[in-house]
């Protein structure tokens, strides 16, 4: 089988070359909302660095509105803490942004409870 492929590839060199312009990288459906969550958090916590990011999911709200939820982990002045960002969206339009600081309480950045 390898010999046949080798012979074919030698006879038709264009068969093994990939057209790099045809390769597309798919963005996750929440990419747009993730950028907004990070931008809004960066505005609210100007002197903090965002060190981790987790998409928590899309949640159905009442009526036509849904929530996109993110947990961002920040480092500021030697302390680390989380900020839960809730974006309320209607179809593809941003309605509101809520930021709520989350204290570690034994949780690691990955969201798992630490050993105590």
Protein backbone atom coordinates (compact mmCIF):
# COMPACT_ATOMS: atom_id res chain seq x y z
CA UNK A 1 0.00 0.00 0.00
CA UNK A 2 2.83 2.39 0.87
CA UNK A 3 4.53 1.62 -2.42
CA UNK A 4 1.37 2.49 -4.38
CA UNK A 5 0.99 5.80 -2.55
CA UNK A 6 4.65 6.59 -3.12
CA UNK A 7 4.36 5.85 -6.83
CA UNK A 8 1.20 7.93 -7.13
CA UNK A 9 2.70 10.82 -5.22
CA UNK A 10 5.76 10.76 -7.46
CA UNK A 11 3.57 10.68 -10.58
CA UNK A 12 1.19 13.36 -9.36
CA UNK A 13 3.06 15.68 -6.99
CA UNK A 14 0.11 18.08 -6.77
CA UNK A 15 -1.92 15.40 -5.00
CA UNK A 16 0.13 15.72 -1.83
CA UNK A 17 0.24 19.50 -1.69
CA UNK A 18 -2.47 21.14 0.37
CA UNK A 19 -3.84 24.50 -0.65
CA UNK A 20 -3.19 26.50 2.52
CA UNK A 21 -5.69 29.18 1.45
CA UNK A 22 -8.45 26.56 1.62
CA UNK A 23 -7.71 25.75 5.26
CA UNK A 24 -10.01 27.62 7.60
CA UNK A 25 -9.89 27.60 11.36
CA UNK A 26 -13.34 27.53 12.88
CA UNK A 27 -13.99 29.91 15.74
CA UNK A 28 -16.19 28.68 18.56
CA UNK A 29 -19.73 30.08 18.57
CA UNK A 30 -18.97 32.06 21.73
CA UNK A 31 -15.78 33.76 20.41
CA UNK A 32 -17.47 37.13 19.83
CA UNK A 33 -18.96 37.11 23.34
CA UNK A 34 -15.66 36.00 24.87
CA UNK A 35 -13.89 39.00 23.37
CA UNK A 36 -16.56 41.32 24.78
CA UNK A 37 -16.32 39.66 28.23
CA UNK A 38 -12.56 40.17 28.27
CA UNK A 39 -12.82 43.78 27.06
CA UNK A 40 -15.43 44.71 29.68
CA UNK A 41 -13.42 43.03 32.44
CA UNK A 42 -10.24 44.81 31.34
CA UNK A 43 -12.10 48.16 31.49
CA UNK A 44 -13.45 47.48 34.98
CA UNK A 45 -10.15 46.13 36.36
CA UNK A 46 -7.60 48.34 34.58
CA UNK A 47 -4.61 47.42 36.74
CA UNK A 48 -5.31 43.66 36.69
CA UNK A 49 -4.02 41.02 34.32
CA UNK A 50 -6.36 38.36 32.95
CA UNK A 51 -4.53 35.08 33.54
CA UNK A 52 -7.20 32.51 32.70
CA UNK A 53 -10.53 32.25 30.94
CA UNK A 54 -13.34 29.72 30.99
CA UNK A 55 -16.54 29.62 28.95
CA UNK A 56 -19.31 28.37 31.23
CA UNK A 57 -21.99 28.12 28.56
CA UNK A 58 -25.06 29.63 27.01
CA UNK A 59 -28.14 29.65 29.21
CA UNK A 60 -31.69 30.23 28.07
CA UNK A 61 -33.29 33.24 29.64
CA UNK A 62 -36.86 34.36 29.64
CA UNK A 63 -38.35 35.25 26.28
CA UNK A 64 -35.91 36.05 23.51
CA UNK A 65 -32.89 36.69 25.74
CA UNK A 66 -30.06 34.27 26.54
CA UNK A 67 -27.03 34.56 28.78
CA UNK A 68 -23.44 33.85 27.78
CA UNK A 69 -21.39 33.20 30.94
CA UNK A 70 -17.64 33.37 31.41
CA UNK A 71 -15.31 33.04 34.38
CA UNK A 72 -12.14 35.08 34.10
CA UNK A 73 -9.26 34.72 36.54
CA UNK A 74 -7.39 37.93 37.33
CA UNK A 75 -4.20 38.86 39.12
CA UNK A 76 -3.95 42.29 40.73
CA UNK A 77 -1.56 43.59 43.38
CA UNK A 78 -0.41 40.10 44.38
CA UNK A 79 -3.86 38.58 44.75
CA UNK A 80 -5.75 36.30 42.39
CA UNK A 81 -9.52 36.28 42.07
CA UNK A 82 -12.26 35.38 39.65
CA UNK A 83 -14.77 37.57 37.86
CA UNK A 84 -17.93 35.99 36.52
CA UNK A 85 -19.10 37.84 33.44
CA UNK A 86 -22.71 37.43 32.36
CA UNK A 87 -23.65 38.84 28.97
CA UNK A 88 -27.34 39.06 28.22
CA UNK A 89 -27.92 38.77 24.48
CA UNK A 90 -30.97 38.94 22.24
CA UNK A 91 -30.38 37.14 18.95
CA UNK A 92 -26.94 38.56 18.06
CA UNK A 93 -27.22 41.83 20.00
CA UNK A 94 -25.68 42.62 23.38
CA UNK A 95 -28.32 43.77 25.89
CA UNK A 96 -26.36 44.00 29.15
CA UNK A 97 -23.11 43.09 30.91
CA UNK A 98 -22.82 42.02 34.57
CA UNK A 99 -19.52 41.55 36.36
CA UNK A 100 -19.38 39.83 39.73
CA UNK A 101 -16.19 39.19 41.65
CA UNK A 102 -15.80 35.62 42.85
CA UNK A 103 -13.62 34.82 45.85
CA UNK A 104 -11.41 31.75 45.53
CA UNK A 105 -12.84 29.79 48.55
CA UNK A 106 -10.63 26.83 47.79
CA UNK A 107 -11.29 26.75 44.05
CA UNK A 108 -8.44 26.50 41.59
CA UNK A 109 -8.38 28.30 38.25
CA UNK A 110 -9.77 25.20 36.56
CA UNK A 111 -12.86 25.46 38.74
CA UNK A 112 -12.16 22.29 40.75
CA UNK A 113 -12.27 22.39 44.50
CA UNK A 114 -8.77 22.25 45.99
CA UNK A 115 -7.65 19.69 48.54
CA UNK A 116 -7.89 21.02 52.10
